[in-house]
Amino acid sequence: MGKHSRPGPPNQPARAVPRLDTDNRLAAYDKRRRPPLDIHRRHRPLHGGAGHLHPDQPRALEERDGFSYVPAGTAACLAAAQRWVNGW
């Protein structure tokens, strides 16, 4: 098997892409507006750098509004941010 026939990383969900609706003139535009890997919530470290560093530092919470990510608040630590992202 060549390198281009391998599946993607096993830790990422499959992204099934629906066919475009021929009756909807904006179907191609709507397809481009989907969030990357269907991630609607994410967190970013306020200190910069990688997300796994400094797990006790505060995190910025971001939520997808249909077009881009907008600030949704802050979390005190990495564990709290992960709970918010996963909806626990």
PDB file of N, CA and C in Angstrom:
ATOM      1  N   MET A   1       0.834  -1.189   0.000  1.00  0.00           N
ATOM      2  CA  MET A   1       0.000   0.000   0.000  1.00  0.00           C
ATOM      3  C   MET A   1       0.873   1.245   0.000  1.00  0.00           C
ATOM      4  N   GLY A   2       0.473   2.210  -0.792  1.00  0.00           N
ATOM      5  CA  GLY A   2       1.204   3.461  -0.847  1.00  0.00           C
ATOM      6  C   GLY A   2       0.840   4.357   0.321  1.00  0.00           C
ATOM      7  N   LYS A   3       1.592   5.407   0.500  1.00  0.00           N
ATOM      8  CA  LYS A   3       1.347   6.287   1.640  1.00  0.00           C
ATOM      9  C   LYS A   3       0.044   7.069   1.531  1.00  0.00           C
ATOM     10  N   HIS A   4      -0.514   7.197   0.323  1.00  0.00           N
ATOM     11  CA  HIS A   4      -1.742   7.963   0.172  1.00  0.00           C
ATOM     12  C   HIS A   4      -2.995   7.136   0.404  1.00  0.00           C
ATOM     13  N   SER A   5      -2.862   5.846   0.586  1.00  0.00           N
ATOM     14  CA  SER A   5      -4.053   5.024   0.779  1.00  0.00           C
ATOM     15  C   SER A   5      -4.292   4.672   2.240  1.00  0.00           C
ATOM     16  N   ARG A   6      -3.496   5.236   3.136  1.00  0.00           N
ATOM     17  CA  ARG A   6      -3.687   4.954   4.558  1.00  0.00           C
ATOM     18  C   ARG A   6      -4.842   5.766   5.119  1.00  0.00           C
ATOM     19  N   PRO A   7      -5.553   5.205   6.087  1.00  0.00           N
ATOM     20  CA  PRO A   7      -6.608   5.989   6.735  1.00  0.00           C
ATOM     21  C   PRO A   7      -5.999   7.056   7.641  1.00  0.00           C
ATOM     22  N   GLY A   8      -6.823   7.954   8.102  1.00  0.00           N
ATOM     23  CA  GLY A   8      -6.365   9.026   8.980  1.00  0.00           C
ATOM     24  C   GLY A   8      -5.994   8.510  10.362  1.00  0.00           C
ATOM     25  N   PRO A   9      -5.632   9.424  11.246  1.00  0.00           N
ATOM     26  CA  PRO A   9      -5.242   9.033  12.602  1.00  0.00           C
ATOM     27  C   PRO A   9      -6.395   8.343  13.325  1.00  0.00           C
ATOM     28  N   PRO A  10      -6.104   7.318  14.125  1.00  0.00           N
ATOM     29  CA  PRO A  10      -7.174   6.582  14.797  1.00  0.00           C
ATOM     30  C   PRO A  10      -7.847   7.363  15.923  1.00  0.00           C
ATOM     31  N   ASN A  11      -7.228   8.457  16.381  1.00  0.00           N
ATOM     32  CA  ASN A  11      -7.802   9.196  17.500  1.00  0.00           C
ATOM     33  C   ASN A  11      -8.739  10.314  17.053  1.00  0.00           C
ATOM     34  N   GLN A  12      -8.986  10.460  15.733  1.00  0.00           N
ATOM     35  CA  GLN A  12      -9.890  11.498  15.252  1.00  0.00           C
ATOM     36  C   GLN A  12     -11.163  10.858  14.714  1.00  0.00           C
ATOM     37  N   PRO A  13     -12.301  11.493  14.960  1.00  0.00           N
ATOM     38  CA  PRO A  13     -13.556  10.923  14.456  1.00  0.00           C
ATOM     39  C   PRO A  13     -13.615  11.014  12.936  1.00  0.00           C
ATOM     40  N   ALA A  14     -14.327  10.083  12.335  1.00  0.00           N
ATOM     41  CA  ALA A  14     -14.507  10.112  10.895  1.00  0.00           C
ATOM     42  C   ALA A  14     -15.397  11.292  10.526  1.00  0.00           C
ATOM     43  N   ARG A  15     -15.105  11.905   9.433  1.00  0.00           N
ATOM     44  CA  ARG A  15     -15.891  13.055   8.995  1.00  0.00           C
ATOM     45  C   ARG A  15     -16.620  12.689   7.712  1.00  0.00           C
ATOM     46  N   ALA A  16     -17.817  12.204   7.879  1.00  0.00           N
ATOM     47  CA  ALA A  16     -18.621  11.854   6.727  1.00  0.00           C
ATOM     48  C   ALA A  16     -19.193  13.131   6.134  1.00  0.00           C
ATOM     49  N   VAL A  17     -18.948  13.345   4.873  1.00  0.00           N
ATOM     50  CA  VAL A  17     -19.396  14.560   4.213  1.00  0.00           C
ATOM     51  C   VAL A  17     -20.627  14.240   3.378  1.00  0.00           C
ATOM     52  N   PRO A  18     -21.762  14.866   3.673  1.00  0.00           N
ATOM     53  CA  PRO A  18     -22.964  14.595   2.877  1.00  0.00           C
ATOM     54  C   PRO A  18     -22.823  15.178   1.478  1.00  0.00           C
ATOM     55  N   ARG A  19     -23.535  14.596   0.548  1.00  0.00           N
ATOM     56  CA  ARG A  19     -23.541  15.113  -0.823  1.00  0.00           C
ATOM     57  C   ARG A  19     -24.232  16.476  -0.858  1.00  0.00           C
ATOM     58  N   LEU A  20     -23.853  17.274  -1.836  1.00  0.00           N
ATOM     59  CA  LEU A  20     -24.451  18.591  -1.966  1.00  0.00           C
ATOM     60  C   LEU A  20     -25.870  18.473  -2.497  1.00  0.00           C
ATOM     61  N   ASP A  21     -26.743  19.279  -1.955  1.00  0.00           N
ATOM     62  CA  ASP A  21     -28.124  19.333  -2.397  1.00  0.00           C
ATOM     63  C   ASP A  21     -28.195  20.195  -3.658  1.00  0.00           C
ATOM     64  N   THR A  22     -28.645  19.630  -4.762  1.00  0.00           N
ATOM     65  CA  THR A  22     -28.679  20.375  -6.020  1.00  0.00           C
ATOM     66  C   THR A  22     -29.765  21.449  -6.019  1.00  0.00           C
ATOM     67  N   ASP A  23     -30.770  21.319  -5.172  1.00  0.00           N
ATOM     68  CA  ASP A  23     -31.831  22.319  -5.112  1.00  0.00           C
ATOM     69  C   ASP A  23     -31.433  23.544  -4.301  1.00  0.00           C
ATOM     70  N   ASN A  24     -30.475  23.396  -3.418  1.00  0.00           N
ATOM     71  CA  ASN A  24     -30.034  24.491  -2.564  1.00  0.00           C
ATOM     72  C   ASN A  24     -28.847  25.182  -3.224  1.00  0.00           C
ATOM     73  N   ARG A  25     -29.015  26.427  -3.616  1.00  0.00           N
ATOM     74  CA  ARG A  25     -27.940  27.149  -4.301  1.00  0.00           C
ATOM     75  C   ARG A  25     -26.782  27.489  -3.367  1.00  0.00           C
ATOM     76  N   LEU A  26     -27.024  27.500  -2.074  1.00  0.00           N
ATOM     77  CA  LEU A  26     -25.973  27.849  -1.105  1.00  0.00           C
ATOM     78  C   LEU A  26     -25.361  26.623  -0.439  1.00  0.00           C
ATOM     79  N   ALA A  27     -25.566  25.445  -0.991  1.00  0.00           N
ATOM     80  CA  ALA A  27     -25.083  24.213  -0.366  1.00  0.00           C
ATOM     81  C   ALA A  27     -23.564  24.194  -0.256  1.00  0.00           C
ATOM     82  N   ALA A  28     -22.856  24.632  -1.278  1.00  0.00           N
ATOM     83  CA  ALA A  28     -21.387  24.643  -1.228  1.00  0.00           C
ATOM     84  C   ALA A  28     -20.902  25.620  -0.162  1.00  0.00           C
ATOM     85  N   TYR A  29     -21.569  26.764  -0.028  1.00  0.00           N
ATOM     86  CA  TYR A  29     -21.216  27.742   0.993  1.00  0.00           C
ATOM     87  C   TYR A  29     -21.458  27.182   2.391  1.00  0.00           C
ATOM     88  N   ASP A  30     -22.589  26.511   2.581  1.00  0.00           N
ATOM     89  CA  ASP A  30     -22.898  25.920   3.883  1.00  0.00           C
ATOM     90  C   ASP A  30     -21.888  24.844   4.243  1.00  0.00           C
ATOM     91  N   LYS A  31     -21.418  24.102   3.262  1.00  0.00           N
ATOM     92  CA  LYS A  31     -20.427  23.059   3.509  1.00  0.00           C
ATOM     93  C   LYS A  31     -19.132  23.669   4.041  1.00  0.00           C
ATOM     94  N   ARG A  32     -18.732  24.823   3.515  1.00  0.00           N
ATOM     95  CA  ARG A  32     -17.493  25.466   3.965  1.00  0.00           C
ATOM     96  C   ARG A  32     -17.642  26.083   5.341  1.00  0.00           C
ATOM     97  N   ARG A  33     -18.867  26.358   5.782  1.00  0.00           N
ATOM     98  CA  ARG A  33     -19.078  26.993   7.084  1.00  0.00           C
ATOM     99  C   ARG A  33     -19.074  26.008   8.239  1.00  0.00           C
ATOM    100  N   ARG A  34     -18.983  24.713   7.968  1.00  0.00           N
ATOM    101  CA  ARG A  34     -18.967  23.735   9.058  1.00  0.00           C
ATOM    102  C   ARG A  34     -17.716  23.936   9.904  1.00  0.00           C
ATOM    103  N   PRO A  35     -17.817  23.733  11.204  1.00  0.00           N
ATOM    104  CA  PRO A  35     -16.626  23.850  12.041  1.00  0.00           C
ATOM    105  C   PRO A  35     -15.653  22.724  11.741  1.00  0.00           C
ATOM    106  N   PRO A  36     -14.375  22.940  11.941  1.00  0.00           N
ATOM    107  CA  PRO A  36     -13.399  21.896  11.684  1.00  0.00           C
ATOM    108  C   PRO A  36     -13.660  20.675  12.554  1.00  0.00           C
ATOM    109  N   LEU A  37     -13.774  19.510  11.947  1.00  0.00           N
ATOM    110  CA  LEU A  37     -14.018  18.236  12.626  1.00  0.00           C
ATOM    111  C   LEU A  37     -15.245  18.300  13.537  1.00  0.00           C
ATOM    112  N   ASP A  38     -16.180  19.163  13.199  1.00  0.00           N
ATOM    113  CA  ASP A  38     -17.422  19.299  13.955  1.00  0.00           C
ATOM    114  C   ASP A  38     -17.181  19.573  15.436  1.00  0.00           C
ATOM    115  N   ILE A  39     -16.176  20.377  15.726  1.00  0.00           N
ATOM    116  CA  ILE A  39     -15.868  20.786  17.097  1.00  0.00           C
ATOM    117  C   ILE A  39     -16.587  22.110  17.355  1.00  0.00           C
ATOM    118  N   HIS A  40     -17.570  22.099  18.233  1.00  0.00           N
ATOM    119  CA  HIS A  40     -18.349  23.296  18.492  1.00  0.00           C
ATOM    120  C   HIS A  40     -17.846  24.072  19.699  1.00  0.00           C
ATOM    121  N   ARG A  41     -17.109  23.420  20.577  1.00  0.00           N
ATOM    122  CA  ARG A  41     -16.533  24.084  21.755  1.00  0.00           C
ATOM    123  C   ARG A  41     -15.060  23.719  21.842  1.00  0.00           C
ATOM    124  N   ARG A  42     -14.246  24.668  22.265  1.00  0.00           N
ATOM    125  CA  ARG A  42     -12.820  24.385  22.458  1.00  0.00           C
ATOM    126  C   ARG A  42     -12.276  25.292  23.552  1.00  0.00           C
ATOM    127  N   HIS A  43     -11.099  24.943  24.048  1.00  0.00           N
ATOM    128  CA  HIS A  43     -10.442  25.781  25.054  1.00  0.00           C
ATOM    129  C   HIS A  43      -9.009  26.036  24.616  1.00  0.00           C
ATOM    130  N   ARG A  44      -8.504  27.199  25.000  1.00  0.00           N
ATOM    131  CA  ARG A  44      -7.143  27.612  24.675  1.00  0.00           C
ATOM    132  C   ARG A  44      -6.473  28.114  25.948  1.00  0.00           C
ATOM    133  N   PRO A  45      -5.192  27.803  26.142  1.00  0.00           N
ATOM    134  CA  PRO A  45      -4.500  28.319  27.319  1.00  0.00           C
ATOM    135  C   PRO A  45      -4.281  29.831  27.209  1.00  0.00           C
ATOM    136  N   LEU A  46      -4.473  30.535  28.303  1.00  0.00           N
ATOM    137  CA  LEU A  46      -4.260  31.981  28.308  1.00  0.00           C
ATOM    138  C   LEU A  46      -2.784  32.342  28.299  1.00  0.00           C
ATOM    139  N   HIS A  47      -1.946  31.435  28.762  1.00  0.00           N
ATOM    140  CA  HIS A  47      -0.516  31.707  28.837  1.00  0.00           C
ATOM    141  C   HIS A  47       0.176  31.468  27.507  1.00  0.00           C
ATOM    142  N   GLY A  48      -0.529  30.936  26.509  1.00  0.00           N
ATOM    143  CA  GLY A  48       0.074  30.609  25.226  1.00  0.00           C
ATOM    144  C   GLY A  48       0.749  29.246  25.298  1.00  0.00           C
ATOM    145  N   GLY A  49       1.191  28.766  24.192  1.00  0.00           N
ATOM    146  CA  GLY A  49       1.875  27.485  24.164  1.00  0.00           C
ATOM    147  C   GLY A  49       0.901  26.325  24.018  1.00  0.00           C
ATOM    148  N   ALA A  50       1.410  25.151  24.279  1.00  0.00           N
ATOM    149  CA  ALA A  50       0.635  23.924  24.101  1.00  0.00           C
ATOM    150  C   ALA A  50      -0.434  23.787  25.180  1.00  0.00           C
ATOM    151  N   GLY A  51      -1.530  23.117  24.838  1.00  0.00           N
ATOM    152  CA  GLY A  51      -2.657  22.980  25.743  1.00  0.00           C
ATOM    153  C   GLY A  51      -2.400  22.082  26.927  1.00  0.00           C
ATOM    154  N   HIS A  52      -1.449  21.154  26.804  1.00  0.00           N
ATOM    155  CA  HIS A  52      -1.204  20.221  27.906  1.00  0.00           C
ATOM    156  C   HIS A  52      -0.230  20.776  28.935  1.00  0.00           C
ATOM    157  N   LEU A  53       0.433  21.877  28.637  1.00  0.00           N
ATOM    158  CA  LEU A  53       1.369  22.480  29.583  1.00  0.00           C
ATOM    159  C   LEU A  53       0.627  23.323  30.608  1.00  0.00           C
ATOM    160  N   HIS A  54       1.139  23.362  31.801  1.00  0.00           N
ATOM    161  CA  HIS A  54       0.571  24.159  32.896  1.00  0.00           C
ATOM    162  C   HIS A  54      -0.910  23.847  33.108  1.00  0.00           C
ATOM    163  N   PRO A  55      -1.255  22.644  33.523  1.00  0.00           N
ATOM    164  CA  PRO A  55      -2.661  22.280  33.681  1.00  0.00           C
ATOM    165  C   PRO A  55      -3.384  23.073  34.768  1.00  0.00           C
ATOM    166  N   ASP A  56      -2.650  23.770  35.632  1.00  0.00           N
ATOM    167  CA  ASP A  56      -3.299  24.545  36.692  1.00  0.00           C
ATOM    168  C   ASP A  56      -3.535  26.005  36.292  1.00  0.00           C
ATOM    169  N   GLN A  57      -3.176  26.400  35.087  1.00  0.00           N
ATOM    170  CA  GLN A  57      -3.359  27.770  34.617  1.00  0.00           C
ATOM    171  C   GLN A  57      -4.758  27.945  34.010  1.00  0.00           C
ATOM    172  N   PRO A  58      -5.292  29.167  33.995  1.00  0.00           N
ATOM    173  CA  PRO A  58      -6.630  29.404  33.429  1.00  0.00           C
ATOM    174  C   PRO A  58      -6.667  29.199  31.919  1.00  0.00           C
ATOM    175  N   ARG A  59      -7.866  28.907  31.408  1.00  0.00           N
ATOM    176  CA  ARG A  59      -8.095  28.643  29.981  1.00  0.00           C
ATOM    177  C   ARG A  59      -9.193  29.559  29.460  1.00  0.00           C
ATOM    178  N   ALA A  60      -9.059  29.964  28.210  1.00  0.00           N
ATOM    179  CA  ALA A  60     -10.115  30.705  27.524  1.00  0.00           C
ATOM    180  C   ALA A  60     -11.037  29.697  26.854  1.00  0.00           C
ATOM    181  N   LEU A  61     -12.345  29.849  27.040  1.00  0.00           N
ATOM    182  CA  LEU A  61     -13.319  28.956  26.441  1.00  0.00           C
ATOM    183  C   LEU A  61     -13.905  29.634  25.208  1.00  0.00           C
ATOM    184  N   GLU A  62     -13.999  28.887  24.114  1.00  0.00           N
ATOM    185  CA  GLU A  62     -14.520  29.425  22.867  1.00  0.00           C
ATOM    186  C   GLU A  62     -15.624  28.517  22.339  1.00  0.00           C
ATOM    187  N   GLU A  63     -16.641  29.131  21.756  1.00  0.00           N
ATOM    188  CA  GLU A  63     -17.782  28.389  21.232  1.00  0.00           C
ATOM    189  C   GLU A  63     -18.035  28.839  19.794  1.00  0.00           C
ATOM    190  N   ARG A  64     -18.411  27.901  18.953  1.00  0.00           N
ATOM    191  CA  ARG A  64     -18.674  28.177  17.537  1.00  0.00           C
ATOM    192  C   ARG A  64     -20.048  28.827  17.385  1.00  0.00           C
ATOM    193  N   ASP A  65     -20.127  29.959  16.673  1.00  0.00           N
ATOM    194  CA  ASP A  65     -21.409  30.643  16.472  1.00  0.00           C
ATOM    195  C   ASP A  65     -21.980  30.408  15.074  1.00  0.00           C
ATOM    196  N   GLY A  66     -21.435  29.457  14.352  1.00  0.00           N
ATOM    197  CA  GLY A  66     -21.884  29.169  13.003  1.00  0.00           C
ATOM    198  C   GLY A  66     -20.952  29.709  11.956  1.00  0.00           C
ATOM    199  N   PHE A  67     -20.110  30.669  12.317  1.00  0.00           N
ATOM    200  CA  PHE A  67     -19.167  31.239  11.363  1.00  0.00           C
ATOM    201  C   PHE A  67     -17.744  31.211  11.891  1.00  0.00           C
ATOM    202  N   SER A  68     -17.566  31.518  13.170  1.00  0.00           N
ATOM    203  CA  SER A  68     -16.233  31.522  13.765  1.00  0.00           C
ATOM    204  C   SER A  68     -16.363  31.194  15.250  1.00  0.00           C
ATOM    205  N   TYR A  69     -15.227  31.109  15.918  1.00  0.00           N
ATOM    206  CA  TYR A  69     -15.222  30.865  17.356  1.00  0.00           C
ATOM    207  C   TYR A  69     -15.271  32.200  18.086  1.00  0.00           C
ATOM    208  N   VAL A  70     -16.142  32.293  19.083  1.00  0.00           N
ATOM    209  CA  VAL A  70     -16.281  33.514  19.877  1.00  0.00           C
ATOM    210  C   VAL A  70     -16.004  33.175  21.340  1.00  0.00           C
ATOM    211  N   PRO A  71     -15.479  34.123  22.120  1.00  0.00           N
ATOM    212  CA  PRO A  71     -15.218  33.857  23.530  1.00  0.00           C
ATOM    213  C   PRO A  71     -16.500  33.528  24.281  1.00  0.00           C
ATOM    214  N   ALA A  72     -16.407  32.516  25.146  1.00  0.00           N
ATOM    215  CA  ALA A  72     -17.573  32.103  25.925  1.00  0.00           C
ATOM    216  C   ALA A  72     -17.308  32.169  27.418  1.00  0.00           C
ATOM    217  N   GLY A  73     -16.091  32.466  27.821  1.00  0.00           N
ATOM    218  CA  GLY A  73     -15.767  32.559  29.237  1.00  0.00           C
ATOM    219  C   GLY A  73     -14.373  32.058  29.514  1.00  0.00           C
ATOM    220  N   THR A  74     -14.124  31.780  30.795  1.00  0.00           N
ATOM    221  CA  THR A  74     -12.828  31.252  31.207  1.00  0.00           C
ATOM    222  C   THR A  74     -13.057  30.078  32.147  1.00  0.00           C
ATOM    223  N   ALA A  75     -12.027  29.255  32.252  1.00  0.00           N
ATOM    224  CA  ALA A  75     -12.035  28.131  33.189  1.00  0.00           C
ATOM    225  C   ALA A  75     -10.789  28.251  34.054  1.00  0.00           C
ATOM    226  N   ALA A  76     -10.891  27.809  35.286  1.00  0.00           N
ATOM    227  CA  ALA A  76      -9.791  27.958  36.239  1.00  0.00           C
ATOM    228  C   ALA A  76      -8.611  27.048  35.934  1.00  0.00           C
ATOM    229  N   CYS A  77      -8.871  25.885  35.323  1.00  0.00           N
ATOM    230  CA  CYS A  77      -7.790  24.934  35.066  1.00  0.00           C
ATOM    231  C   CYS A  77      -8.144  24.067  33.865  1.00  0.00           C
ATOM    232  N   LEU A  78      -7.222  23.215  33.471  1.00  0.00           N
ATOM    233  CA  LEU A  78      -7.421  22.334  32.324  1.00  0.00           C
ATOM    234  C   LEU A  78      -8.581  21.377  32.552  1.00  0.00           C
ATOM    235  N   ALA A  79      -8.709  20.817  33.749  1.00  0.00           N
ATOM    236  CA  ALA A  79      -9.780  19.859  34.024  1.00  0.00           C
ATOM    237  C   ALA A  79     -11.155  20.510  33.893  1.00  0.00           C
ATOM    238  N   ALA A  80     -11.300  21.731  34.381  1.00  0.00           N
ATOM    239  CA  ALA A  80     -12.579  22.437  34.274  1.00  0.00           C
ATOM    240  C   ALA A  80     -12.889  22.764  32.814  1.00  0.00           C
ATOM    241  N   ALA A  81     -11.882  23.133  32.045  1.00  0.00           N
ATOM    242  CA  ALA A  81     -12.082  23.437  30.632  1.00  0.00           C
ATOM    243  C   ALA A  81     -12.500  22.185  29.860  1.00  0.00           C
ATOM    244  N   GLN A  82     -11.901  21.055  30.172  1.00  0.00           N
ATOM    245  CA  GLN A  82     -12.265  19.808  29.499  1.00  0.00           C
ATOM    246  C   GLN A  82     -13.689  19.383  29.853  1.00  0.00           C
ATOM    247  N   ARG A  83     -14.096  19.612  31.098  1.00  0.00           N
ATOM    248  CA  ARG A  83     -15.474  19.305  31.481  1.00  0.00           C
ATOM    249  C   ARG A  83     -16.457  20.170  30.698  1.00  0.00           C
ATOM    250  N   TRP A  84     -16.136  21.436  30.500  1.00  0.00           N
ATOM    251  CA  TRP A  84     -17.008  22.327  29.745  1.00  0.00           C
ATOM    252  C   TRP A  84     -17.088  21.911  28.283  1.00  0.00           C
ATOM    253  N   VAL A  85     -15.965  21.559  27.692  1.00  0.00           N
ATOM    254  CA  VAL A  85     -15.946  21.145  26.283  1.00  0.00           C
ATOM    255  C   VAL A  85     -16.755  19.871  26.080  1.00  0.00           C
ATOM    256  N   ASN A  86     -16.609  18.917  26.981  1.00  0.00           N
ATOM    257  CA  ASN A  86     -17.292  17.634  26.834  1.00  0.00           C
ATOM    258  C   ASN A  86     -18.715  17.653  27.364  1.00  0.00           C
ATOM    259  N   GLY A  87     -19.130  18.711  28.012  1.00  0.00           N
ATOM    260  CA  GLY A  87     -20.490  18.826  28.518  1.00  0.00           C
ATOM    261  C   GLY A  87     -20.786  17.942  29.712  1.00  0.00           C
ATOM    262  N   TRP A  88     -19.806  17.703  30.553  1.00  0.00           N
ATOM    263  CA  TRP A  88     -20.009  16.838  31.745  1.00  0.00           C
ATOM    264  C   TRP A  88     -20.687  17.574  32.826  1.00  0.00           C
TER     265      TRP A  88
END
